[in-house]
Amino acid sequence: MKKLIIYTACLFGLLSCQTQPSNLTVDLMVENASKIITTVSPTDLMKIMESEEIFNVIDVRQNTEHYYGFIPGAVNIPRGSIEFNIATENFWETEGLYMPTKEETLILYCKKGKRSALAAQTLMQMGFKKVLVLDGGWKNWELSFPDFCDKNLEMLAGGPAKHDDGGGC
């Protein structure tokens, strides 16, 4: 009888420690991130780019998306690896740039703004103090400043046969 009570108590303890299923969806994650991030319009980003302010523009889309068009001077760090590369000296040396400090402005963009919102939330959790997200993402920039877009023509000439938009968000 004593063993049965101990067994039942242990079983109840294990079951009560199980995590409950979450109703968290990607849309809810983006909505939550949007409550704490700061967005910047393409016009405001252009003003920052023309100023003397120290900043980094980071394209969080997949590499194959980046080559089809990007904001001049943007560094491509896909969202899936931003946590690993943002504070890694070797990554920035490979890019030919210095590693940003946590006080400098980081401006993130993706195709439409969802991935960059999540990436911005992550960078803020990592202690970066001034993280901005381009409102409407690359699509909004491309429509606002069509003459101020770069493409990696070398990559396009021998690059991927199919354009992978990484989910289109």
N, C-alpha and C. Protein backbone atom coordinates (compact mmCIF):
# COMPACT_ATOMS: atom_id res chain seq x y z
N MET A 1 0.81 -1.18 0.00
CA MET A 1 0.00 0.00 0.00
C MET A 1 0.86 1.26 0.00
N LYS A 2 1.95 1.22 0.80
CA LYS A 2 2.85 2.36 0.89
C LYS A 2 3.49 2.62 -0.48
N LYS A 3 3.87 1.54 -1.21
CA LYS A 3 4.47 1.69 -2.54
C LYS A 3 3.46 2.31 -3.51
N LEU A 4 2.21 1.93 -3.41
CA LEU A 4 1.17 2.46 -4.29
C LEU A 4 0.99 3.95 -4.06
N ILE A 5 1.03 4.39 -2.82
CA ILE A 5 0.88 5.81 -2.51
C ILE A 5 2.07 6.59 -3.06
N ILE A 6 3.27 6.07 -2.87
CA ILE A 6 4.48 6.73 -3.37
C ILE A 6 4.44 6.78 -4.90
N TYR A 7 4.06 5.67 -5.53
CA TYR A 7 3.97 5.61 -6.98
C TYR A 7 2.94 6.63 -7.50
N THR A 8 1.80 6.70 -6.88
CA THR A 8 0.74 7.63 -7.28
C THR A 8 1.21 9.07 -7.12
N ALA A 9 1.88 9.37 -6.01
CA ALA A 9 2.38 10.72 -5.77
C ALA A 9 3.42 11.11 -6.82
N CYS A 10 4.31 10.18 -7.16
CA CYS A 10 5.32 10.46 -8.18
C CYS A 10 4.68 10.67 -9.55
N LEU A 11 3.72 9.85 -9.89
CA LEU A 11 3.03 9.97 -11.17
C LEU A 11 2.29 11.30 -11.24
N PHE A 12 1.60 11.69 -10.18
CA PHE A 12 0.89 12.96 -10.14
C PHE A 12 1.88 14.12 -10.28
N GLY A 13 3.01 14.01 -9.62
CA GLY A 13 4.04 15.04 -9.70
C GLY A 13 4.57 15.20 -11.11
N LEU A 14 4.83 14.10 -11.79
CA LEU A 14 5.31 14.16 -13.17
C LEU A 14 4.28 14.77 -14.10
N LEU A 15 3.05 14.39 -13.94
CA LEU A 15 1.99 14.92 -14.80
C LEU A 15 1.75 16.40 -14.57
N SER A 16 1.85 16.83 -13.34
CA SER A 16 1.60 18.24 -13.05
C SER A 16 2.75 19.12 -13.53
N CYS A 17 3.93 18.56 -13.74
CA CYS A 17 5.08 19.33 -14.22
C CYS A 17 5.10 19.45 -15.74
N GLN A 18 4.28 18.70 -16.42
CA GLN A 18 4.23 18.78 -17.88
C GLN A 18 3.81 20.19 -18.27
N THR A 19 4.43 20.71 -19.33
CA THR A 19 4.02 22.03 -19.81
C THR A 19 2.72 21.90 -20.58
N GLN A 20 1.89 22.88 -20.38
CA GLN A 20 0.60 22.88 -21.06
C GLN A 20 0.80 23.33 -22.50
N PRO A 21 0.00 22.80 -23.43
CA PRO A 21 0.13 23.23 -24.81
C PRO A 21 -0.14 24.72 -24.94
N SER A 22 0.62 25.37 -25.78
CA SER A 22 0.48 26.81 -25.97
C SER A 22 -0.36 27.11 -27.20
N ASN A 23 -1.09 28.17 -27.13
CA ASN A 23 -1.87 28.64 -28.27
C ASN A 23 -1.12 29.72 -29.03
N LEU A 24 0.19 29.82 -28.80
CA LEU A 24 1.01 30.84 -29.43
C LEU A 24 1.21 30.53 -30.90
N THR A 25 0.84 31.46 -31.76
CA THR A 25 1.04 31.32 -33.20
C THR A 25 2.05 32.37 -33.64
N VAL A 26 2.54 32.23 -34.86
CA VAL A 26 3.49 33.21 -35.37
C VAL A 26 2.84 34.59 -35.46
N ASP A 27 1.57 34.64 -35.83
CA ASP A 27 0.89 35.94 -35.90
C ASP A 27 0.80 36.59 -34.52
N LEU A 28 0.55 35.79 -33.50
CA LEU A 28 0.50 36.32 -32.13
C LEU A 28 1.89 36.75 -31.67
N MET A 29 2.91 36.00 -32.06
CA MET A 29 4.28 36.37 -31.73
C MET A 29 4.63 37.72 -32.35
N VAL A 30 4.28 37.91 -33.62
CA VAL A 30 4.55 39.18 -34.31
C VAL A 30 3.76 40.31 -33.67
N GLU A 31 2.49 40.04 -33.34
CA GLU A 31 1.65 41.05 -32.68
C GLU A 31 2.27 41.48 -31.35
N ASN A 32 2.75 40.52 -30.57
CA ASN A 32 3.38 40.83 -29.28
C ASN A 32 4.67 41.62 -29.48
N ALA A 33 5.48 41.22 -30.46
CA ALA A 33 6.72 41.94 -30.74
C ALA A 33 6.42 43.37 -31.19
N SER A 34 5.37 43.53 -31.99
CA SER A 34 5.02 44.86 -32.52
C SER A 34 4.65 45.84 -31.43
N LYS A 35 4.27 45.34 -30.28
CA LYS A 35 3.90 46.21 -29.16
C LYS A 35 5.12 46.86 -28.51
N ILE A 36 6.30 46.26 -28.68
CA ILE A 36 7.49 46.76 -27.99
C ILE A 36 8.55 47.33 -28.92
N ILE A 37 8.42 47.09 -30.23
CA ILE A 37 9.44 47.58 -31.16
C ILE A 37 9.09 48.97 -31.65
N THR A 38 10.07 49.63 -32.25
CA THR A 38 9.88 50.94 -32.86
C THR A 38 10.09 50.80 -34.35
N THR A 39 9.15 51.33 -35.12
CA THR A 39 9.29 51.27 -36.58
C THR A 39 9.76 52.62 -37.11
N VAL A 40 10.32 52.56 -38.30
CA VAL A 40 10.80 53.75 -38.98
C VAL A 40 10.31 53.67 -40.42
N SER A 41 9.85 54.79 -40.96
CA SER A 41 9.36 54.82 -42.33
C SER A 41 10.55 54.83 -43.29
N PRO A 42 10.32 54.48 -44.55
CA PRO A 42 11.41 54.58 -45.53
C PRO A 42 11.99 56.00 -45.61
N THR A 43 11.14 57.01 -45.53
CA THR A 43 11.61 58.39 -45.57
C THR A 43 12.51 58.71 -44.38
N ASP A 44 12.09 58.26 -43.19
CA ASP A 44 12.91 58.49 -41.99
C ASP A 44 14.23 57.71 -42.07
N LEU A 45 14.18 56.50 -42.63
CA LEU A 45 15.42 55.73 -42.80
C LEU A 45 16.37 56.47 -43.74
N MET A 46 15.84 57.01 -44.82
CA MET A 46 16.69 57.77 -45.75
C MET A 46 17.33 58.95 -45.03
N LYS A 47 16.58 59.62 -44.16
CA LYS A 47 17.14 60.75 -43.39
C LYS A 47 18.27 60.28 -42.48
N ILE A 48 18.07 59.12 -41.84
CA ILE A 48 19.12 58.56 -40.98
C ILE A 48 20.36 58.25 -41.82
N MET A 49 20.14 57.66 -43.00
CA MET A 49 21.26 57.29 -43.87
C MET A 49 22.03 58.52 -44.36
N GLU A 50 21.35 59.64 -44.49
CA GLU A 50 21.99 60.88 -44.95
C GLU A 50 22.60 61.67 -43.79
N SER A 51 22.35 61.25 -42.56
CA SER A 51 22.85 61.97 -41.39
C SER A 51 24.26 61.48 -41.03
N GLU A 52 24.75 62.04 -39.95
CA GLU A 52 26.07 61.67 -39.44
C GLU A 52 25.97 60.57 -38.37
N GLU A 53 24.76 60.11 -38.11
CA GLU A 53 24.54 59.11 -37.06
C GLU A 53 25.23 57.79 -37.42
N ILE A 54 25.73 57.11 -36.41
CA ILE A 54 26.32 55.78 -36.60
C ILE A 54 25.19 54.77 -36.53
N PHE A 55 25.07 53.94 -37.55
CA PHE A 55 23.98 52.97 -37.62
C PHE A 55 24.40 51.78 -38.48
N ASN A 56 23.65 50.71 -38.37
CA ASN A 56 23.80 49.55 -39.25
C ASN A 56 22.43 49.17 -39.75
N VAL A 57 22.33 48.93 -41.05
CA VAL A 57 21.10 48.42 -41.64
C VAL A 57 21.30 46.93 -41.83
N ILE A 58 20.38 46.14 -41.29
CA ILE A 58 20.52 44.68 -41.33
C ILE A 58 19.31 44.07 -42.02
N ASP A 59 19.60 43.33 -43.07
CA ASP A 59 18.58 42.61 -43.84
C ASP A 59 18.48 41.22 -43.23
N VAL A 60 17.33 40.90 -42.62
CA VAL A 60 17.18 39.61 -41.94
C VAL A 60 16.53 38.56 -42.84
N ARG A 61 16.41 38.86 -44.14
CA ARG A 61 15.87 37.86 -45.07
C ARG A 61 16.93 36.80 -45.37
N GLN A 62 16.51 35.73 -46.02
CA GLN A 62 17.44 34.68 -46.44
C GLN A 62 18.42 35.25 -47.46
N ASN A 63 19.59 34.63 -47.57
CA ASN A 63 20.61 35.09 -48.52
C ASN A 63 20.08 35.20 -49.94
N THR A 64 19.30 34.22 -50.37
CA THR A 64 18.79 34.24 -51.73
C THR A 64 17.83 35.39 -51.97
N GLU A 65 17.12 35.83 -50.95
CA GLU A 65 16.24 36.99 -51.09
C GLU A 65 17.06 38.27 -51.19
N HIS A 66 18.12 38.35 -50.40
CA HIS A 66 18.98 39.53 -50.33
C HIS A 66 19.58 39.85 -51.69
N TYR A 67 20.02 38.85 -52.42
CA TYR A 67 20.70 39.07 -53.69
C TYR A 67 19.80 39.70 -54.74
N TYR A 68 18.49 39.50 -54.63
CA TYR A 68 17.57 40.05 -55.62
C TYR A 68 17.30 41.53 -55.41
N GLY A 69 17.70 42.06 -54.30
CA GLY A 69 17.56 43.48 -54.06
C GLY A 69 17.70 43.78 -52.59
N PHE A 70 18.45 44.85 -52.29
CA PHE A 70 18.67 45.22 -50.89
C PHE A 70 18.97 46.70 -50.79
N ILE A 71 18.85 47.22 -49.60
CA ILE A 71 19.17 48.62 -49.33
C ILE A 71 20.69 48.76 -49.36
N PRO A 72 21.21 49.73 -50.10
CA PRO A 72 22.67 49.89 -50.17
C PRO A 72 23.30 49.99 -48.78
N GLY A 73 24.35 49.22 -48.59
CA GLY A 73 25.06 49.20 -47.32
C GLY A 73 24.51 48.23 -46.30
N ALA A 74 23.40 47.57 -46.62
CA ALA A 74 22.80 46.62 -45.67
C ALA A 74 23.66 45.38 -45.54
N VAL A 75 23.73 44.87 -44.33
CA VAL A 75 24.41 43.63 -44.02
C VAL A 75 23.35 42.54 -43.94
N ASN A 76 23.59 41.43 -44.61
CA ASN A 76 22.61 40.34 -44.60
C ASN A 76 22.94 39.37 -43.46
N ILE A 77 22.06 39.34 -42.46
CA ILE A 77 22.14 38.37 -41.37
C ILE A 77 20.76 37.75 -41.25
N PRO A 78 20.53 36.58 -41.84
CA PRO A 78 19.20 35.98 -41.77
C PRO A 78 18.72 35.83 -40.33
N ARG A 79 17.42 35.98 -40.16
CA ARG A 79 16.83 35.92 -38.82
C ARG A 79 17.25 34.68 -38.05
N GLY A 80 17.36 33.56 -38.73
CA GLY A 80 17.72 32.32 -38.06
C GLY A 80 19.12 32.29 -37.48
N SER A 81 19.97 33.24 -37.87
CA SER A 81 21.33 33.24 -37.34
C SER A 81 21.73 34.56 -36.70
N ILE A 82 20.79 35.48 -36.57
CA ILE A 82 21.15 36.80 -36.04
C ILE A 82 21.69 36.74 -34.62
N GLU A 83 21.12 35.89 -33.79
CA GLU A 83 21.59 35.79 -32.40
C GLU A 83 23.05 35.31 -32.33
N PHE A 84 23.44 34.50 -33.29
CA PHE A 84 24.78 33.94 -33.30
C PHE A 84 25.81 34.88 -33.92
N ASN A 85 25.39 35.75 -34.83
CA ASN A 85 26.34 36.58 -35.57
C ASN A 85 26.41 38.03 -35.12
N ILE A 86 25.36 38.56 -34.53
CA ILE A 86 25.32 39.99 -34.23
C ILE A 86 26.46 40.44 -33.32
N ALA A 87 26.88 39.61 -32.40
CA ALA A 87 27.95 39.99 -31.47
C ALA A 87 29.19 39.12 -31.64
N THR A 88 29.43 38.68 -32.89
CA THR A 88 30.59 37.84 -33.19
C THR A 88 31.58 38.63 -34.04
N GLU A 89 32.72 38.90 -33.47
CA GLU A 89 33.75 39.70 -34.13
C GLU A 89 34.13 39.12 -35.50
N ASN A 90 34.28 37.79 -35.58
CA ASN A 90 34.67 37.17 -36.85
C ASN A 90 33.66 37.43 -37.96
N PHE A 91 32.36 37.40 -37.64
CA PHE A 91 31.33 37.68 -38.64
C PHE A 91 31.54 39.08 -39.21
N TRP A 92 31.69 40.06 -38.35
CA TRP A 92 31.81 41.44 -38.79
C TRP A 92 33.11 41.68 -39.55
N GLU A 93 34.19 41.01 -39.14
CA GLU A 93 35.45 41.12 -39.88
C GLU A 93 35.28 40.59 -41.31
N THR A 94 34.55 39.48 -41.45
CA THR A 94 34.28 38.92 -42.77
C THR A 94 33.49 39.91 -43.63
N GLU A 95 32.61 40.67 -43.01
CA GLU A 95 31.81 41.67 -43.72
C GLU A 95 32.62 42.94 -44.01
N GLY A 96 33.81 43.03 -43.40
CA GLY A 96 34.63 44.22 -43.58
C GLY A 96 34.15 45.40 -42.75
N LEU A 97 33.46 45.10 -41.66
CA LEU A 97 32.89 46.14 -40.81
C LEU A 97 33.27 45.89 -39.35
N TYR A 98 33.05 46.90 -38.53
CA TYR A 98 33.27 46.72 -37.11
C TYR A 98 32.00 46.18 -36.48
N MET A 99 32.14 45.49 -35.37
CA MET A 99 31.00 44.95 -34.65
C MET A 99 30.27 46.10 -33.94
N PRO A 100 28.95 46.21 -34.13
CA PRO A 100 28.23 47.31 -33.48
C PRO A 100 28.18 47.15 -31.97
N THR A 101 28.15 48.28 -31.30
CA THR A 101 27.98 48.25 -29.84
C THR A 101 26.49 48.17 -29.54
N LYS A 102 26.17 47.90 -28.31
CA LYS A 102 24.76 47.77 -27.92
C LYS A 102 24.06 49.12 -27.85
N GLU A 103 24.82 50.22 -27.95
CA GLU A 103 24.22 51.56 -27.91
C GLU A 103 23.96 52.11 -29.31
N GLU A 104 24.54 51.52 -30.33
CA GLU A 104 24.37 52.02 -31.70
C GLU A 104 23.03 51.62 -32.29
N THR A 105 22.61 52.38 -33.28
CA THR A 105 21.33 52.14 -33.93
C THR A 105 21.43 50.96 -34.89
N LEU A 106 20.51 50.03 -34.75
CA LEU A 106 20.37 48.91 -35.69
C LEU A 106 19.01 49.05 -36.35
N ILE A 107 18.99 49.05 -37.68
CA ILE A 107 17.74 49.16 -38.42
C ILE A 107 17.56 47.86 -39.19
N LEU A 108 16.49 47.14 -38.86
CA LEU A 108 16.25 45.83 -39.44
C LEU A 108 15.12 45.88 -40.47
N TYR A 109 15.27 45.02 -41.48
CA TYR A 109 14.16 44.87 -42.42
C TYR A 109 14.14 43.46 -42.98
N CYS A 110 12.95 43.04 -43.41
CA CYS A 110 12.76 41.77 -44.11
C CYS A 110 11.87 42.10 -45.30
N LYS A 111 11.12 41.15 -45.78
CA LYS A 111 10.30 41.41 -46.95
C LYS A 111 9.15 42.38 -46.64
N LYS A 112 8.40 42.11 -45.56
CA LYS A 112 7.23 42.94 -45.23
C LYS A 112 7.24 43.46 -43.80
N GLY A 113 8.10 42.93 -42.93
CA GLY A 113 8.22 43.45 -41.57
C GLY A 113 8.00 42.47 -40.44
N LYS A 114 7.53 41.28 -40.74
CA LYS A 114 7.24 40.33 -39.66
C LYS A 114 8.51 39.71 -39.08
N ARG A 115 9.37 39.19 -39.93
CA ARG A 115 10.61 38.58 -39.43
C ARG A 115 11.48 39.61 -38.73
N SER A 116 11.53 40.82 -39.29
CA SER A 116 12.36 41.86 -38.66
C SER A 116 11.79 42.28 -37.29
N ALA A 117 10.47 42.24 -37.13
CA ALA A 117 9.88 42.53 -35.82
C ALA A 117 10.34 41.50 -34.79
N LEU A 118 10.31 40.23 -35.18
CA LEU A 118 10.75 39.17 -34.26
C LEU A 118 12.25 39.27 -33.97
N ALA A 119 13.03 39.58 -35.02
CA ALA A 119 14.48 39.72 -34.82
C ALA A 119 14.78 40.92 -33.92
N ALA A 120 14.05 42.01 -34.09
CA ALA A 120 14.25 43.20 -33.25
C ALA A 120 13.96 42.88 -31.80
N GLN A 121 12.88 42.16 -31.56
CA GLN A 121 12.54 41.77 -30.19
C GLN A 121 13.68 40.95 -29.57
N THR A 122 14.23 40.05 -30.35
CA THR A 122 15.35 39.23 -29.86
C THR A 122 16.56 40.09 -29.53
N LEU A 123 16.90 41.02 -30.42
CA LEU A 123 18.07 41.87 -30.18
C LEU A 123 17.86 42.76 -28.95
N MET A 124 16.64 43.20 -28.76
CA MET A 124 16.34 43.99 -27.56
C MET A 124 16.52 43.14 -26.30
N GLN A 125 16.10 41.88 -26.37
CA GLN A 125 16.29 40.97 -25.24
C GLN A 125 17.77 40.72 -24.98
N MET A 126 18.58 40.83 -26.04
CA MET A 126 20.02 40.64 -25.91
C MET A 126 20.74 41.90 -25.41
N GLY A 127 19.98 42.98 -25.21
CA GLY A 127 20.56 44.19 -24.64
C GLY A 127 20.85 45.31 -25.63
N PHE A 128 20.50 45.16 -26.90
CA PHE A 128 20.69 46.25 -27.85
C PHE A 128 19.63 47.31 -27.56
N LYS A 129 20.09 48.55 -27.44
CA LYS A 129 19.23 49.61 -26.91
C LYS A 129 18.41 50.34 -27.97
N LYS A 130 18.94 50.48 -29.18
CA LYS A 130 18.22 51.25 -30.21
C LYS A 130 18.06 50.38 -31.45
N VAL A 131 16.97 49.63 -31.47
CA VAL A 131 16.67 48.74 -32.58
C VAL A 131 15.40 49.25 -33.25
N LEU A 132 15.49 49.52 -34.53
CA LEU A 132 14.36 50.01 -35.30
C LEU A 132 14.01 49.01 -36.39
N VAL A 133 12.75 48.99 -36.80
CA VAL A 133 12.29 48.10 -37.86
C VAL A 133 11.73 48.96 -38.98
N LEU A 134 12.15 48.67 -40.20
CA LEU A 134 11.64 49.39 -41.36
C LEU A 134 10.19 49.01 -41.58
N ASP A 135 9.31 49.99 -41.46
CA ASP A 135 7.87 49.77 -41.61
C ASP A 135 7.57 49.29 -43.03
N GLY A 136 6.93 48.13 -43.14
CA GLY A 136 6.58 47.59 -44.46
C GLY A 136 7.72 46.85 -45.13
N GLY A 137 8.89 46.82 -44.51
CA GLY A 137 10.01 46.05 -45.00
C GLY A 137 10.55 46.46 -46.37
N TRP A 138 11.23 45.51 -46.99
CA TRP A 138 11.87 45.73 -48.29
C TRP A 138 10.86 46.20 -49.33
N LYS A 139 9.68 45.61 -49.33
CA LYS A 139 8.67 45.98 -50.32
C LYS A 139 8.33 47.46 -50.24
N ASN A 140 8.18 47.99 -49.03
CA ASN A 140 7.88 49.40 -48.85
C ASN A 140 9.05 50.27 -49.29
N TRP A 141 10.27 49.85 -48.97
CA TRP A 141 11.47 50.59 -49.39
C TRP A 141 11.56 50.62 -50.92
N GLU A 142 11.38 49.48 -51.54
CA GLU A 142 11.49 49.36 -53.00
C GLU A 142 10.45 50.25 -53.70
N LEU A 143 9.25 50.33 -53.15
CA LEU A 143 8.22 51.19 -53.73
C LEU A 143 8.52 52.67 -53.46
N SER A 144 9.09 52.98 -52.31
CA SER A 144 9.37 54.36 -51.92
C SER A 144 10.61 54.92 -52.60
N PHE A 145 11.63 54.10 -52.74
CA PHE A 145 12.90 54.54 -53.32
C PHE A 145 13.41 53.53 -54.36
N PRO A 146 12.71 53.40 -55.49
CA PRO A 146 13.11 52.38 -56.48
C PRO A 146 14.50 52.60 -57.06
N ASP A 147 14.98 53.84 -57.05
CA ASP A 147 16.31 54.11 -57.58
C ASP A 147 17.40 53.93 -56.54
N PHE A 148 17.02 53.61 -55.31
CA PHE A 148 17.99 53.45 -54.24
C PHE A 148 17.94 52.01 -53.73
N CYS A 149 18.12 51.09 -54.66
CA CYS A 149 18.11 49.66 -54.37
C CYS A 149 19.30 49.02 -55.07
N ASP A 150 19.97 48.13 -54.42
CA ASP A 150 21.10 47.41 -55.01
C ASP A 150 20.73 45.96 -55.24
N LYS A 151 21.45 45.34 -56.17
CA LYS A 151 21.31 43.91 -56.44
C LYS A 151 22.70 43.33 -56.55
N ASN A 152 22.88 42.10 -56.14
CA ASN A 152 24.16 41.44 -56.27
C ASN A 152 24.18 40.79 -57.65
N LEU A 153 24.65 41.53 -58.66
CA LEU A 153 24.59 41.06 -60.04
C LEU A 153 25.45 39.82 -60.28
N GLU A 154 26.59 39.72 -59.60
CA GLU A 154 27.43 38.52 -59.75
C GLU A 154 26.69 37.29 -59.29
N MET A 155 26.04 37.39 -58.14
CA MET A 155 25.29 36.25 -57.62
C MET A 155 24.12 35.92 -58.52
N LEU A 156 23.45 36.96 -59.04
CA LEU A 156 22.30 36.73 -59.90
C LEU A 156 22.70 36.03 -61.20
N ALA A 157 23.88 36.35 -61.71
CA ALA A 157 24.33 35.74 -62.97
C ALA A 157 24.53 34.24 -62.81
N GLY A 158 25.06 33.80 -61.69
CA GLY A 158 25.29 32.37 -61.49
C GLY A 158 24.62 31.85 -60.25
N GLY A 159 23.68 32.63 -59.75
CA GLY A 159 23.06 32.34 -58.47
C GLY A 159 21.94 31.32 -58.55
N PRO A 160 21.11 31.32 -57.57
CA PRO A 160 20.06 30.32 -57.47
C PRO A 160 19.08 30.43 -58.64
N ALA A 161 18.65 29.28 -59.13
CA ALA A 161 17.75 29.24 -60.26
C ALA A 161 16.36 29.73 -59.87
N LYS A 162 15.98 29.50 -58.65
CA LYS A 162 14.64 29.88 -58.20
C LYS A 162 14.74 30.84 -57.04
N HIS A 163 13.95 31.88 -57.07
CA HIS A 163 13.94 32.87 -55.99
C HIS A 163 13.15 32.31 -54.81
N ASP A 164 13.82 32.13 -53.67
CA ASP A 164 13.19 31.63 -52.46
C ASP A 164 12.91 32.83 -51.57
N ASP A 165 11.64 33.13 -51.35
CA ASP A 165 11.32 34.31 -50.55
C ASP A 165 11.21 33.99 -49.06
N GLY A 166 11.57 32.79 -48.65
CA GLY A 166 11.65 32.45 -47.23
C GLY A 166 10.33 32.59 -46.49
N GLY A 167 9.24 32.33 -47.15
CA GLY A 167 7.97 32.38 -46.47
C GLY A 167 7.17 33.64 -46.76
N GLY A 168 7.81 34.63 -47.35
CA GLY A 168 7.10 35.80 -47.79
C GLY A 168 6.59 36.72 -46.71
N CYS A 169 7.20 36.71 -45.55
CA CYS A 169 6.71 37.62 -44.52
C CYS A 169 7.79 38.58 -44.12
